[in-house]
Amino acid sequence: MSSGRIIVRATFLILALSLLSRFLGLGREMAIAYAFGAKAKADAFFVAYVIPYTFSGVVGTALATVIVPVFAGYAAQGRKEAAWQVLSRLLNAAFVLTLVLALLGVAAAPLLTRALGGGFPPATLALATKLTAAMTPAIIFLTVAGILGGILNANNIFGPPALGPAIMNVMVITGALAGARLLDVYGLALGVVAGSLAYTLVQLPALRYVGFRYTPACDFWHREVRRVGALLLPVVLASGIGQVYTFIDWRLASGLAEGSIAALNYANKLMNLPQGLLVTAVTTAIFPTLSRLAAEEQPEAMAATLRRALKWILLLGVPGAVGLIVLRAPVVMLLFERGAFDARATGMTAQALLCYAVGLAAFCLNLPLTRGFFAFQDTRTPLLISAATVPVKLLLSLVLVRVLHHAGLALATSVTMTLNMCLLSYLLYRRLPALFDASFCRFAGRLLLAAALMGAGVHVADGYLAAHLKTTGLGLLCRVAADIAAGALLFFAAAFSLRLDELLSLCDLLREKAAGVAIRSKSLRPRYRNNR
């Protein structure tokens, strides 16, 4: 099967599972909002959740990222057996290290929570400390899950790694709704730990399918393990620097009004919904191909593959950003305003969502651009860029938090991520001159125009619907649904009128898929009758 078909099939599979995971993630935030609102307990939980979340987003993702090009190098040389031995040693070493870190994290929980939530009242700080100690063991399972996901992705197996987060979200939702009745907020912490374990276990059956052979050897100083570690360190540092943004926000927001951290978290998760639906799917699917093309020294093919991925991502990211900006208040009301989540929490979350949505396109593009460097086994450049933007983020946060309060922290993140995206684009363009050609510039301009037309139409439609429908219950649901439907129709009408090439090719691909399914179903009917 050609690499293009592999990418398309993998993208649709990961997109479907990511869609499930993201909507379950939204359900997770809704469950937490219902049970704890935007109050002190929610603030304490989200500060404590930073530890496992950081390991999942930094160490686990970094391991999965580094493993793919390393395995591609072994496979190109026909040395799969050697790859299994190296990956086994890496798996064992990571388990031992994270076990030690988990024990240290439990002991150092008071220091960690004081660093992140130093502005909390004493009772909230004490609760955050206990929750941190309870959830720290999750880092062991999340790290192992990242390694297993990298092994499977390197062998073009994308289902189980993409399904794992969905299962984890189910466990957290259970902890928020059922566990919280028995254990209060500690039930939510239990759901996080149980979900991280399930994330690991769901990937184990697929390892046998790819032929993985586990070796119970732990050699920290093995030459290949050290080489993987050398590649891994810059990726971890680069991703970790990205998490520094969260640390800055949480520390500054802990001294603001109660619920500021919770509002930032809910808004961030909403902003990540359109980003996660397609960005993760496309980037995960193209990364093995990008690594292979880089190893084979085919820069033009690599640029074409990455350019098409960027277009697909922008097709969702740009209209998604405009939609969130226009509909931020009714969307937050519809999704969260129930239980402990009141009108005050809605206003705080909507303000933060507006400031996050401004940088949504940059958030979307950073991941595939970074993977472009990783495909060259260059992990230093993204690290240096991320490190250079941290002072910008800190300075902007200190200035904007005085003017816009918690929303200023969100705006500082959006501006910094946009700067990060511009630097990545420029430096990668120097390596792949065919990446941003004239067709990409035309596409970007037409896309912005189509999204602007959509936003103007949705703004008018929402104003009319808000005046004629109730602002709660079924009326609010109908209002938001009608707004989304009108936005989709306006965007597609404008996009087709402007001849957006990637949208047209995507529609052609969907028609081909539908025709293929119809042909296969017809061919099976006579065979079925003969069997009868």
Protein backbone atom coordinates (compact mmCIF):
# COMPACT_ATOMS: atom_id res chain seq x y z
CA MET A 1 0.00 0.00 0.00
CA SER A 2 1.31 3.48 -0.91
CA SER A 3 2.38 5.89 1.83
CA GLY A 4 -0.39 8.29 0.80
CA ARG A 5 -3.10 5.69 1.33
CA ILE A 6 -1.53 4.61 4.63
CA ILE A 7 -1.61 8.23 5.82
CA VAL A 8 -5.22 8.73 4.75
CA ARG A 9 -6.43 5.49 6.35
CA ALA A 10 -4.46 6.15 9.53
CA THR A 11 -5.74 9.73 9.67
CA PHE A 12 -9.39 8.64 9.47
CA LEU A 13 -8.85 5.93 12.10
CA ILE A 14 -7.06 8.24 14.52
CA LEU A 15 -9.56 11.02 13.78
CA ALA A 16 -12.47 8.74 14.70
CA LEU A 17 -10.82 7.61 17.93
CA SER A 18 -9.62 11.14 18.70
CA LEU A 19 -13.18 12.36 18.15
CA LEU A 20 -14.36 9.82 20.71
CA SER A 21 -11.58 10.77 23.12
CA ARG A 22 -12.11 14.51 22.74
CA PHE A 23 -15.84 14.32 23.29
CA LEU A 24 -15.26 12.11 26.30
CA GLY A 25 -12.68 14.67 27.43
CA LEU A 26 -15.35 17.33 27.08
CA GLY A 27 -17.66 15.08 29.07
CA ARG A 28 -14.92 14.79 31.70
CA GLU A 29 -14.73 18.58 32.06
CA MET A 30 -18.53 18.79 32.17
CA ALA A 31 -18.62 16.17 34.92
CA ILE A 32 -15.97 18.02 36.95
CA ALA A 33 -17.77 21.33 36.41
CA TYR A 34 -21.08 19.79 37.50
CA ALA A 35 -19.59 18.30 40.67
CA PHE A 36 -17.18 21.06 41.71
CA GLY A 37 -17.90 24.14 39.54
CA ALA A 38 -15.29 26.90 39.46
CA LYS A 39 -14.56 26.93 43.16
CA ALA A 40 -11.74 26.07 45.57
CA LYS A 41 -11.94 22.26 45.25
CA ALA A 42 -11.75 22.50 41.47
CA ASP A 43 -8.76 24.85 41.71
CA ALA A 44 -6.99 22.42 44.07
CA PHE A 45 -7.66 19.46 41.78
CA PHE A 46 -6.39 21.16 38.63
CA VAL A 47 -3.18 22.24 40.38
CA ALA A 48 -2.61 18.65 41.55
CA TYR A 49 -3.52 17.27 38.12
CA VAL A 50 -0.65 19.21 36.55
CA ILE A 51 1.83 16.46 37.58
CA PRO A 52 0.24 13.47 35.74
CA TYR A 53 -0.96 15.74 32.93
CA THR A 54 2.56 17.04 32.39
CA PHE A 55 4.02 13.54 32.28
CA SER A 56 1.38 12.42 29.81
CA GLY A 57 1.83 15.46 27.57
CA VAL A 58 5.60 15.76 27.93
CA VAL A 59 7.37 12.51 28.77
CA GLY A 60 4.83 10.08 27.31
CA THR A 61 4.43 12.04 24.08
CA ALA A 62 8.19 12.63 23.81
CA LEU A 63 8.91 8.90 24.14
CA ALA A 64 6.34 8.06 21.48
CA THR A 65 7.83 10.74 19.23
CA VAL A 66 11.46 9.65 19.55
CA ILE A 67 10.73 5.94 19.16
CA VAL A 68 9.22 6.34 15.67
CA PRO A 69 12.35 7.62 13.82
CA VAL A 70 14.62 5.32 15.87
CA PHE A 71 12.58 2.26 14.90
CA ALA A 72 12.39 3.48 11.29
CA GLY A 73 16.20 3.48 11.20
CA TYR A 74 16.40 -0.10 12.47
CA ALA A 75 13.65 -1.28 10.10
CA ALA A 76 15.39 0.30 7.11
CA GLN A 77 18.46 -1.80 7.98
CA GLY A 78 16.45 -4.99 8.51
CA ARG A 79 17.34 -5.13 12.24
CA LYS A 80 13.97 -5.46 13.95
CA GLU A 81 15.25 -7.94 16.52
CA ALA A 82 17.85 -5.42 17.69
CA ALA A 83 15.11 -2.78 17.86
CA TRP A 84 13.02 -4.98 20.19
CA GLN A 85 15.99 -5.39 22.53
CA VAL A 86 16.67 -1.66 22.66
CA LEU A 87 13.00 -0.81 23.21
CA SER A 88 12.73 -3.42 25.98
CA ARG A 89 15.68 -1.87 27.78
CA LEU A 90 14.19 1.58 27.30
CA LEU A 91 10.85 0.39 28.68
CA ASN A 92 12.47 -1.13 31.75
CA ALA A 93 14.66 1.89 32.41
CA ALA A 94 11.69 4.24 32.11
CA PHE A 95 9.65 2.13 34.53
CA VAL A 96 12.40 2.18 37.17
CA LEU A 97 13.00 5.92 36.79
CA THR A 98 9.34 6.87 36.99
CA LEU A 99 8.83 4.60 40.00
CA VAL A 100 11.57 6.51 41.81
CA LEU A 101 10.13 9.85 40.66
CA ALA A 102 6.66 8.85 41.85
CA LEU A 103 7.98 8.08 45.32
CA LEU A 104 9.86 11.36 45.39
CA GLY A 105 6.77 13.18 44.14
CA VAL A 106 4.65 11.84 46.99
CA ALA A 107 7.26 12.98 49.51
CA ALA A 108 7.69 16.38 47.83
CA ALA A 109 3.95 17.06 47.33
CA PRO A 110 3.93 20.03 49.75
CA LEU A 111 6.78 21.71 47.88
CA LEU A 112 5.20 21.08 44.47
CA THR A 113 1.81 22.50 45.40
CA ARG A 114 3.37 25.50 47.13
CA ALA A 115 5.29 26.27 43.94
CA LEU A 116 2.16 26.09 41.76
CA GLY A 117 -0.53 27.33 44.13
CA GLY A 118 1.34 29.56 46.53
CA GLY A 119 -1.45 32.14 46.38
CA PHE A 120 -4.10 29.71 47.65
CA PRO A 121 -5.70 30.04 51.08
CA PRO A 122 -4.24 27.48 53.56
CA ALA A 123 -7.20 25.06 53.33
CA THR A 124 -7.09 24.97 49.51
CA LEU A 125 -3.30 24.54 49.54
CA ALA A 126 -3.56 21.61 51.99
CA LEU A 127 -6.19 19.92 49.79
CA ALA A 128 -4.04 20.39 46.69
CA THR A 129 -1.10 18.78 48.52
CA LYS A 130 -3.12 15.66 49.39
CA LEU A 131 -4.46 15.37 45.85
CA THR A 132 -0.95 15.71 44.40
CA ALA A 133 0.30 12.83 46.56
CA ALA A 134 -2.70 10.72 45.55
CA MET A 135 -2.31 11.23 41.78
CA THR A 136 1.48 11.15 41.41
CA PRO A 137 1.65 7.33 40.87
CA ALA A 138 -0.20 7.86 37.57
CA ILE A 139 3.07 9.07 36.00
CA ILE A 140 4.39 5.48 35.96
CA PHE A 141 1.53 4.17 33.82
CA LEU A 142 1.40 7.23 31.55
CA THR A 143 5.12 6.95 30.76
CA VAL A 144 4.84 3.25 29.93
CA ALA A 145 1.77 4.00 27.80
CA GLY A 146 3.81 6.55 25.82
CA ILE A 147 6.52 3.99 25.03
CA LEU A 148 3.99 1.35 23.99
CA GLY A 149 2.22 3.90 21.81
CA GLY A 150 5.49 4.80 20.11
CA ILE A 151 6.24 1.13 19.36
CA LEU A 152 2.79 0.62 17.84
CA ASN A 153 2.83 3.88 15.82
CA ALA A 154 6.26 2.99 14.42
CA ASN A 155 4.63 -0.16 13.04
CA ASN A 156 1.69 1.81 11.59
CA ILE A 157 -0.68 0.58 14.33
CA PHE A 158 -2.62 3.63 15.51
CA GLY A 159 -5.86 2.31 17.02
CA PRO A 160 -4.94 1.22 20.58
CA PRO A 161 -2.74 4.27 21.36
CA ALA A 162 -5.53 6.57 20.17
CA LEU A 163 -8.17 4.61 22.10
CA GLY A 164 -6.27 4.79 25.40
CA PRO A 165 -7.10 8.44 26.22
CA ALA A 166 -10.80 7.74 25.61
CA ILE A 167 -10.76 4.93 28.16
CA MET A 168 -8.88 7.13 30.61
CA ASN A 169 -11.53 9.84 30.22
CA VAL A 170 -14.28 7.33 31.00
CA MET A 171 -12.51 6.42 34.25
CA VAL A 172 -12.12 10.09 35.24
CA ILE A 173 -15.81 10.79 34.47
CA THR A 174 -16.74 7.84 36.68
CA GLY A 175 -14.53 9.22 39.42
CA ALA A 176 -16.12 12.67 39.13
CA LEU A 177 -19.74 11.49 39.19
CA ALA A 178 -19.77 8.22 41.12
CA GLY A 179 -16.52 8.32 43.09
CA ALA A 180 -17.07 11.90 44.26
CA ARG A 181 -20.27 10.85 46.07
CA LEU A 182 -18.27 8.49 48.26
CA LEU A 183 -14.84 10.13 48.41
CA ASP A 184 -15.56 13.75 47.44
CA VAL A 185 -12.76 15.17 45.27
CA TYR A 186 -10.53 12.19 46.15
CA GLY A 187 -12.81 10.02 44.00
CA LEU A 188 -11.79 12.17 41.07
CA ALA A 189 -8.11 11.58 41.89
CA LEU A 190 -8.75 7.83 42.03
CA GLY A 191 -10.31 8.02 38.57
CA VAL A 192 -7.13 9.64 37.20
CA VAL A 193 -4.88 6.86 38.53
CA ALA A 194 -7.22 4.07 37.38
CA GLY A 195 -7.55 5.71 33.96
CA SER A 196 -3.78 5.91 33.48
CA LEU A 197 -3.49 2.18 34.23
CA ALA A 198 -6.26 1.39 31.73
CA TYR A 199 -4.45 3.54 29.12
CA THR A 200 -1.45 1.22 29.43
CA LEU A 201 -3.34 -2.08 29.50
CA VAL A 202 -5.40 -1.41 26.37
CA GLN A 203 -2.23 -1.32 24.24
CA LEU A 204 -0.73 -4.64 25.38
CA PRO A 205 -2.64 -7.01 23.02
CA ALA A 206 -1.50 -5.10 19.93
CA LEU A 207 2.18 -5.58 20.84
CA ARG A 208 1.93 -9.29 20.03
CA TYR A 209 0.47 -8.43 16.62
CA VAL A 210 3.53 -6.36 15.64
CA GLY A 211 5.89 -9.06 16.89
CA PHE A 212 7.31 -7.18 19.86
CA ARG A 213 9.58 -9.40 21.93
CA TYR A 214 10.07 -8.24 25.48
CA THR A 215 13.48 -8.69 27.12
CA PRO A 216 13.62 -8.39 30.94
CA ALA A 217 16.90 -6.47 30.95
CA CYS A 218 17.50 -3.04 32.45
CA ASP A 219 20.72 -1.46 31.22
CA PHE A 220 20.81 2.30 31.67
CA TRP A 221 24.25 2.55 30.06
CA HIS A 222 23.54 0.49 26.95
CA ARG A 223 24.86 2.42 23.94
CA GLU A 224 21.52 2.52 22.09
CA VAL A 225 19.55 3.37 25.23
CA ARG A 226 21.88 6.33 25.79
CA ARG A 227 21.42 7.36 22.15
CA VAL A 228 17.64 7.32 22.56
CA GLY A 229 18.06 9.25 25.80
CA ALA A 230 20.17 11.85 24.00
CA LEU A 231 17.37 12.28 21.43
CA LEU A 232 14.71 12.22 24.12
CA LEU A 233 16.15 14.88 26.43
CA PRO A 234 15.67 17.86 24.07
CA VAL A 235 12.13 16.69 23.22
CA VAL A 236 11.23 16.41 26.91
CA LEU A 237 12.77 19.80 27.64
CA ALA A 238 11.00 21.42 24.67
CA SER A 239 7.62 19.97 25.66
CA GLY A 240 8.34 20.68 29.31
CA ILE A 241 9.03 24.30 28.51
CA GLY A 242 5.58 24.41 26.96
CA GLN A 243 4.18 23.23 30.29
CA VAL A 244 6.02 26.10 31.97
CA TYR A 245 3.29 28.27 30.46
CA THR A 246 0.76 26.35 32.57
CA PHE A 247 2.94 26.66 35.68
CA ILE A 248 3.14 30.43 35.18
CA ASP A 249 -0.63 30.68 34.70
CA TRP A 250 -1.49 28.54 37.71
CA ARG A 251 0.94 30.38 39.99
CA LEU A 252 -0.33 33.83 39.02
CA ALA A 253 -3.99 32.75 38.93
CA SER A 254 -3.79 31.23 42.42
CA GLY A 255 -3.63 34.78 43.78
CA LEU A 256 -6.70 35.93 41.81
CA ALA A 257 -10.40 35.41 42.48
CA GLU A 258 -11.59 31.93 43.47
CA GLY A 259 -12.18 29.76 40.42
CA SER A 260 -9.68 31.51 38.16
CA ILE A 261 -7.62 28.34 37.63
CA ALA A 262 -10.74 26.28 37.00
CA ALA A 263 -12.03 28.84 34.45
CA LEU A 264 -8.69 28.81 32.62
CA ASN A 265 -8.75 25.01 32.57
CA TYR A 266 -12.30 24.72 31.21
CA ALA A 267 -11.60 27.32 28.51
CA ASN A 268 -8.34 25.64 27.56
CA LYS A 269 -10.06 22.28 27.16
CA LEU A 270 -12.74 23.83 24.95
CA MET A 271 -10.07 25.50 22.84
CA ASN A 272 -8.26 22.18 22.51
CA LEU A 273 -11.35 20.39 21.21
CA PRO A 274 -11.10 21.51 17.55
CA GLN A 275 -7.31 21.29 17.81
CA GLY A 276 -7.36 17.72 19.05
CA LEU A 277 -9.97 16.48 16.61
CA LEU A 278 -7.73 16.71 13.56
CA VAL A 279 -4.27 17.89 14.60
CA THR A 280 -3.37 14.81 16.62
CA ALA A 281 -4.81 12.48 13.99
CA VAL A 282 -3.02 14.04 11.03
CA THR A 283 0.29 14.58 12.83
CA THR A 284 0.41 11.04 14.22
CA ALA A 285 -0.44 9.58 10.83
CA ILE A 286 2.16 11.52 8.83
CA PHE A 287 5.05 11.26 11.30
CA PRO A 288 6.26 7.76 10.29
CA THR A 289 6.15 8.84 6.62
CA LEU A 290 7.99 12.10 7.35
CA SER A 291 10.67 10.13 9.24
CA ARG A 292 11.08 7.71 6.35
CA LEU A 293 11.29 10.48 3.74
CA ALA A 294 13.85 12.33 5.87
CA ALA A 295 15.94 9.15 6.21
CA GLU A 296 15.73 8.61 2.45
CA GLU A 297 16.68 12.27 1.80
CA GLN A 298 13.57 13.20 -0.19
CA PRO A 299 12.97 16.84 0.87
CA GLU A 300 10.45 17.68 -1.85
CA ALA A 301 8.23 14.71 -1.04
CA MET A 302 8.56 15.50 2.65
CA ALA A 303 7.57 19.14 2.06
CA ALA A 304 4.55 18.07 -0.01
CA THR A 305 3.39 15.64 2.70
CA LEU A 306 3.76 18.19 5.48
CA ARG A 307 2.23 21.01 3.43
CA ARG A 308 -0.90 18.97 2.77
CA ALA A 309 -1.16 18.13 6.47
CA LEU A 310 -0.90 21.81 7.40
CA LYS A 311 -3.72 22.64 5.01
CA TRP A 312 -5.97 19.95 6.46
CA ILE A 313 -5.28 21.24 9.97
CA LEU A 314 -5.99 24.85 9.06
CA LEU A 315 -9.27 23.81 7.42
CA LEU A 316 -10.58 22.97 10.87
CA GLY A 317 -8.47 25.27 13.05
CA VAL A 318 -9.29 28.63 11.46
CA PRO A 319 -13.10 28.30 11.27
CA GLY A 320 -13.02 26.60 14.68
CA ALA A 321 -11.26 29.63 16.17
CA VAL A 322 -13.74 32.04 14.62
CA GLY A 323 -16.67 29.93 15.83
CA LEU A 324 -15.37 29.85 19.40
CA ILE A 325 -14.80 33.61 19.41
CA VAL A 326 -18.34 34.38 18.20
CA LEU A 327 -20.19 31.71 20.23
CA ARG A 328 -18.03 31.60 23.36
CA ALA A 329 -20.78 32.61 25.83
CA PRO A 330 -23.65 30.37 24.61
CA VAL A 331 -21.28 27.42 24.19
CA VAL A 332 -19.98 27.71 27.75
CA MET A 333 -23.52 28.11 29.07
CA LEU A 334 -24.74 25.06 27.17
CA LEU A 335 -21.89 22.77 28.16
CA PHE A 336 -21.15 23.75 31.75
CA GLU A 337 -23.80 25.93 33.42
CA ARG A 338 -25.46 23.39 35.70
CA GLY A 339 -24.87 21.97 39.15
CA ALA A 340 -22.08 23.84 40.93
CA PHE A 341 -21.18 25.80 37.76
CA ASP A 342 -23.03 29.15 37.97
CA ALA A 343 -23.36 32.30 35.84
CA ARG A 344 -20.23 33.79 37.40
CA ALA A 345 -18.21 30.76 36.29
CA THR A 346 -19.70 31.06 32.79
CA GLY A 347 -18.55 34.66 32.48
CA MET A 348 -15.02 33.86 33.69
CA THR A 349 -14.68 30.87 31.36
CA ALA A 350 -16.04 32.75 28.33
CA GLN A 351 -13.52 35.56 28.84
CA ALA A 352 -10.64 33.11 28.96
CA LEU A 353 -11.99 31.20 25.93
CA LEU A 354 -12.01 34.38 23.83
CA CYS A 355 -8.35 35.02 24.60
CA TYR A 356 -7.32 31.41 23.97
CA ALA A 357 -9.24 31.19 20.67
CA VAL A 358 -7.26 34.10 19.22
CA GLY A 359 -4.22 31.81 19.06
CA LEU A 360 -5.98 28.58 18.06
CA ALA A 361 -4.45 28.40 14.57
CA ALA A 362 -0.97 28.78 16.04
CA PHE A 363 -1.70 26.09 18.62
CA CYS A 364 -2.79 23.78 15.80
CA LEU A 365 0.29 24.34 13.61
CA ASN A 366 2.95 24.04 16.31
CA LEU A 367 2.63 20.25 16.65
CA PRO A 368 3.09 19.27 12.97
CA LEU A 369 5.86 21.86 12.49
CA THR A 370 7.70 20.43 15.49
CA ARG A 371 7.30 16.92 14.10
CA GLY A 372 8.93 18.17 10.90
CA PHE A 373 12.11 18.88 12.86
CA PHE A 374 11.82 15.59 14.78
CA ALA A 375 11.64 13.68 11.48
CA PHE A 376 15.15 15.01 10.78
CA GLN A 377 16.07 13.78 14.29
CA ASP A 378 16.62 17.44 15.15
CA THR A 379 15.20 17.89 18.63
CA ARG A 380 17.36 20.88 19.58
CA THR A 381 15.75 23.53 17.36
CA PRO A 382 12.22 23.25 18.83
CA LEU A 383 13.81 23.22 22.30
CA LEU A 384 15.73 26.44 21.69
CA ILE A 385 12.66 28.15 20.23
CA SER A 386 10.49 27.12 23.17
CA ALA A 387 13.13 28.27 25.63
CA ALA A 388 13.40 31.64 23.88
CA THR A 389 9.64 32.25 24.16
CA VAL A 390 9.35 31.56 27.91
CA PRO A 391 10.56 35.07 28.94
CA VAL A 392 8.06 36.53 26.47
CA LYS A 393 5.25 34.51 28.06
CA LEU A 394 6.28 35.52 31.58
CA LEU A 395 6.56 39.22 30.72
CA LEU A 396 3.23 39.29 28.88
CA SER A 397 1.53 37.40 31.72
CA LEU A 398 2.80 39.83 34.36
CA VAL A 399 1.55 42.79 32.31
CA LEU A 400 -1.79 41.44 31.05
CA VAL A 401 -2.89 39.82 34.33
CA ARG A 402 -3.07 43.31 35.83
CA VAL A 403 -5.43 44.48 33.09
CA LEU A 404 -7.48 41.42 32.13
CA HIS A 405 -6.96 39.26 35.23
CA HIS A 406 -7.16 35.52 34.43
CA ALA A 407 -8.10 36.22 30.79
CA GLY A 408 -4.84 38.13 30.40
CA LEU A 409 -2.95 34.91 31.16
CA ALA A 410 -4.81 33.20 28.31
CA LEU A 411 -4.06 36.05 25.91
CA ALA A 412 -0.37 35.95 26.86
CA THR A 413 -0.32 32.24 26.00
CA SER A 414 -1.95 32.85 22.60
CA VAL A 415 0.51 35.60 21.66
CA THR A 416 3.49 33.50 22.76
CA MET A 417 2.32 30.41 20.87
CA THR A 418 1.85 32.52 17.74
CA LEU A 419 5.43 33.74 18.04
CA ASN A 420 6.58 30.14 18.53
CA MET A 421 4.71 29.05 15.40
CA CYS A 422 6.26 31.83 13.31
CA LEU A 423 9.80 30.90 14.38
CA LEU A 424 9.23 27.18 13.70
CA SER A 425 7.77 27.96 10.28
CA TYR A 426 10.67 30.18 9.26
CA LEU A 427 13.41 27.76 10.29
CA LEU A 428 11.68 24.71 8.82
CA TYR A 429 11.07 26.63 5.59
CA ARG A 430 14.83 27.13 5.32
CA ARG A 431 15.27 23.34 5.34
CA LEU A 432 12.25 22.63 3.12
CA PRO A 433 11.98 25.55 0.65
CA ALA A 434 9.01 23.90 -1.08
CA LEU A 435 6.96 23.84 2.14
CA PHE A 436 5.23 27.22 1.88
CA ASP A 437 4.81 27.65 -1.86
CA ALA A 438 2.45 29.94 -3.77
CA SER A 439 -0.42 27.43 -3.55
CA PHE A 440 -0.18 27.41 0.26
CA CYS A 441 -0.29 31.21 0.42
CA ARG A 442 -3.34 31.31 -1.88
CA PHE A 443 -5.02 28.64 0.25
CA ALA A 444 -4.34 30.55 3.49
CA GLY A 445 -5.74 33.80 2.11
CA ARG A 446 -8.92 32.18 0.78
CA LEU A 447 -9.40 30.26 4.02
CA LEU A 448 -9.19 33.43 6.11
CA LEU A 449 -11.75 35.12 3.86
CA ALA A 450 -14.14 32.14 4.07
CA ALA A 451 -13.82 32.02 7.87
CA ALA A 452 -14.41 35.78 8.19
CA LEU A 453 -17.59 35.53 6.11
CA MET A 454 -18.71 32.61 8.26
CA GLY A 455 -18.02 34.53 11.48
CA ALA A 456 -20.01 37.57 10.34
CA GLY A 457 -22.96 35.40 9.36
CA VAL A 458 -22.93 33.44 12.60
CA HIS A 459 -22.77 36.65 14.64
CA VAL A 460 -25.90 37.96 12.92
CA ALA A 461 -27.70 34.61 13.22
CA ASP A 462 -26.86 34.25 16.92
CA GLY A 463 -28.12 37.76 17.69
CA TYR A 464 -31.44 36.96 16.04
CA LEU A 465 -31.79 33.57 17.77
CA ALA A 466 -30.84 34.99 21.18
CA ALA A 467 -33.70 37.48 20.90
CA HIS A 468 -36.29 34.81 20.05
CA LEU A 469 -35.23 31.71 22.02
CA LYS A 470 -34.86 31.01 25.71
CA THR A 471 -31.34 31.22 27.12
CA THR A 472 -31.62 27.91 28.99
CA GLY A 473 -32.47 24.29 28.33
CA LEU A 474 -33.87 23.28 24.96
CA GLY A 475 -33.94 26.85 23.69
CA LEU A 476 -30.22 27.27 24.27
CA LEU A 477 -29.49 23.89 22.66
CA CYS A 478 -31.51 24.85 19.56
CA ARG A 479 -29.76 28.22 19.42
CA VAL A 480 -26.25 26.76 19.49
CA ALA A 481 -27.13 23.92 17.11
CA ALA A 482 -28.66 26.36 14.63
CA ASP A 483 -25.62 28.64 14.92
CA ILE A 484 -23.24 25.74 14.20
CA ALA A 485 -25.34 24.53 11.28
CA ALA A 486 -25.50 28.03 9.81
CA GLY A 487 -21.76 28.44 10.28
CA ALA A 488 -21.00 25.15 8.57
CA LEU A 489 -23.24 26.00 5.60
CA LEU A 490 -21.76 29.47 5.26
CA PHE A 491 -18.19 28.21 5.51
CA PHE A 492 -18.64 25.42 2.97
CA ALA A 493 -20.48 27.75 0.58
CA ALA A 494 -17.70 30.33 0.81
CA ALA A 495 -14.96 27.68 0.62
CA PHE A 496 -16.41 26.06 -2.49
CA SER A 497 -16.94 29.46 -4.10
CA LEU A 498 -13.31 30.35 -3.38
CA ARG A 499 -12.13 26.93 -4.66
CA LEU A 500 -10.20 25.81 -1.59
CA ASP A 501 -8.18 22.95 -3.08
CA GLU A 502 -7.78 20.74 0.00
CA LEU A 503 -11.49 20.88 0.78
CA LEU A 504 -12.30 19.85 -2.77
CA SER A 505 -9.79 16.99 -2.70
CA LEU A 506 -11.12 15.85 0.68
CA CYS A 507 -14.64 15.72 -0.73
CA ASP A 508 -13.38 13.72 -3.73
CA LEU A 509 -11.66 11.31 -1.35
CA LEU A 510 -14.85 10.83 0.67
CA ARG A 511 -16.81 10.15 -2.52
CA GLU A 512 -14.23 7.54 -3.56
CA LYS A 513 -14.46 5.89 -0.14
CA ALA A 514 -18.25 5.82 -0.30
CA ALA A 515 -18.18 4.37 -3.83
CA GLY A 516 -15.69 1.71 -2.75
CA VAL A 517 -17.89 0.67 0.17
CA ALA A 518 -20.91 0.45 -2.14
CA ILE A 519 -19.01 -1.69 -4.67
CA ARG A 520 -17.76 -4.06 -1.97
CA SER A 521 -21.24 -4.46 -0.50
CA LYS A 522 -22.69 -5.31 -3.92
CA SER A 523 -19.96 -7.86 -4.62
CA LEU A 524 -20.74 -9.64 -1.36
CA ARG A 525 -24.47 -10.09 -2.04
CA PRO A 526 -24.28 -12.89 -4.73
CA ARG A 527 -21.66 -14.67 -2.65
CA TYR A 528 -23.99 -14.53 0.33
CA ARG A 529 -26.87 -15.99 -1.73
CA ASN A 530 -24.66 -18.79 -3.05
CA ASN A 531 -23.65 -19.64 0.49
CA ARG A 532 -27.31 -19.91 1.35
